[in-house]
Amino acid sequence: MNILQYLKETKAELKEVHFPGTAQTITYTIAVIAISVIVALLLGGVDLGLRELLAKLLTR
């Protein structure tokens, strides 16, 4: 397959793609940010807890 054929097929495929609207994009973006913050807080809490546990074990 040459590059011209590839580009024609890619253009045809992109015409069939249905992109989300503005409202849906904003909703998904907010969801991703919220989930990222929640995961960061959870991982930070686990890290803090394990660090404190390790510090107590090493000072014994």
C-alpha atoms as a PDB file:
ATOM      1  CA  MET A   1       0.000   0.000   0.000  1.00  0.00           C
ATOM      2  CA  ASN A   2       1.453   3.343  -0.952  1.00  0.00           C
ATOM      3  CA  ILE A   3       1.176   6.522   1.064  1.00  0.00           C
ATOM      4  CA  LEU A   4      -1.480   8.091  -1.186  1.00  0.00           C
ATOM      5  CA  GLN A   5      -3.807   5.123  -0.784  1.00  0.00           C
ATOM      6  CA  TYR A   6      -3.241   5.169   2.962  1.00  0.00           C
ATOM      7  CA  LEU A   7      -4.129   8.863   3.185  1.00  0.00           C
ATOM      8  CA  LYS A   8      -7.305   8.365   1.121  1.00  0.00           C
ATOM      9  CA  GLU A   9      -8.442   5.516   3.363  1.00  0.00           C
ATOM     10  CA  THR A  10      -7.628   7.524   6.479  1.00  0.00           C
ATOM     11  CA  LYS A  11      -9.680  10.462   5.208  1.00  0.00           C
ATOM     12  CA  ALA A  12     -12.616   8.149   4.449  1.00  0.00           C
ATOM     13  CA  GLU A  13     -12.442   6.632   7.941  1.00  0.00           C
ATOM     14  CA  LEU A  14     -12.341  10.034   9.602  1.00  0.00           C
ATOM     15  CA  LYS A  15     -15.562  11.008   7.824  1.00  0.00           C
ATOM     16  CA  GLU A  16     -17.309   8.168   9.665  1.00  0.00           C
ATOM     17  CA  VAL A  17     -16.080   9.220  13.115  1.00  0.00           C
ATOM     18  CA  HIS A  18     -18.684  10.887  15.349  1.00  0.00           C
ATOM     19  CA  PHE A  19     -16.983  13.314  17.684  1.00  0.00           C
ATOM     20  CA  PRO A  20     -18.676  14.293  20.973  1.00  0.00           C
ATOM     21  CA  GLY A  21     -20.315  17.686  21.304  1.00  0.00           C
ATOM     22  CA  THR A  22     -19.086  20.529  23.455  1.00  0.00           C
ATOM     23  CA  ALA A  23     -21.263  19.677  26.468  1.00  0.00           C
ATOM     24  CA  GLN A  24     -20.214  16.026  26.416  1.00  0.00           C
ATOM     25  CA  THR A  25     -16.541  16.980  26.075  1.00  0.00           C
ATOM     26  CA  ILE A  26     -16.776  19.324  29.060  1.00  0.00           C
ATOM     27  CA  THR A  27     -18.544  16.634  31.113  1.00  0.00           C
ATOM     28  CA  TYR A  28     -15.901  14.037  30.288  1.00  0.00           C
ATOM     29  CA  THR A  29     -13.096  16.501  31.017  1.00  0.00           C
ATOM     30  CA  ILE A  30     -14.526  17.330  34.440  1.00  0.00           C
ATOM     31  CA  ALA A  31     -14.959  13.613  35.172  1.00  0.00           C
ATOM     32  CA  VAL A  32     -11.349  12.866  34.246  1.00  0.00           C
ATOM     33  CA  ILE A  33     -10.049  15.732  36.385  1.00  0.00           C
ATOM     34  CA  ALA A  34     -12.199  14.663  39.357  1.00  0.00           C
ATOM     35  CA  ILE A  35     -11.115  11.043  39.117  1.00  0.00           C
ATOM     36  CA  SER A  36      -7.471  12.108  38.799  1.00  0.00           C
ATOM     37  CA  VAL A  37      -7.726  14.244  41.941  1.00  0.00           C
ATOM     38  CA  ILE A  38      -9.415  11.420  43.876  1.00  0.00           C
ATOM     39  CA  VAL A  39      -6.765   8.896  42.825  1.00  0.00           C
ATOM     40  CA  ALA A  40      -3.978  11.363  43.678  1.00  0.00           C
ATOM     41  CA  LEU A  41      -5.449  11.929  47.151  1.00  0.00           C
ATOM     42  CA  LEU A  42      -5.830   8.192  47.749  1.00  0.00           C
ATOM     43  CA  LEU A  43      -2.287   7.440  46.636  1.00  0.00           C
ATOM     44  CA  GLY A  44      -0.950  10.341  48.675  1.00  0.00           C
ATOM     45  CA  GLY A  45      -2.785   9.017  51.738  1.00  0.00           C
ATOM     46  CA  VAL A  46      -1.424   5.516  51.243  1.00  0.00           C
ATOM     47  CA  ASP A  47       2.074   6.934  50.773  1.00  0.00           C
ATOM     48  CA  LEU A  48       1.799   9.019  53.941  1.00  0.00           C
ATOM     49  CA  GLY A  49       0.475   6.067  55.918  1.00  0.00           C
ATOM     50  CA  LEU A  50       3.186   3.703  54.739  1.00  0.00           C
ATOM     51  CA  ARG A  51       5.871   6.322  55.384  1.00  0.00           C
ATOM     52  CA  GLU A  52       4.652   6.809  58.955  1.00  0.00           C
ATOM     53  CA  LEU A  53       4.425   3.046  59.494  1.00  0.00           C
ATOM     54  CA  LEU A  54       7.941   2.543  58.193  1.00  0.00           C
ATOM     55  CA  ALA A  55       9.265   5.368  60.357  1.00  0.00           C
ATOM     56  CA  LYS A  56       7.702   3.793  63.465  1.00  0.00           C
ATOM     57  CA  LEU A  57       9.094   0.380  62.594  1.00  0.00           C
ATOM     58  CA  LEU A  58      12.592   1.733  62.035  1.00  0.00           C
ATOM     59  CA  THR A  59      12.697   3.716  65.297  1.00  0.00           C
ATOM     60  CA  ARG A  60      11.918   0.653  67.400  1.00  0.00           C
END
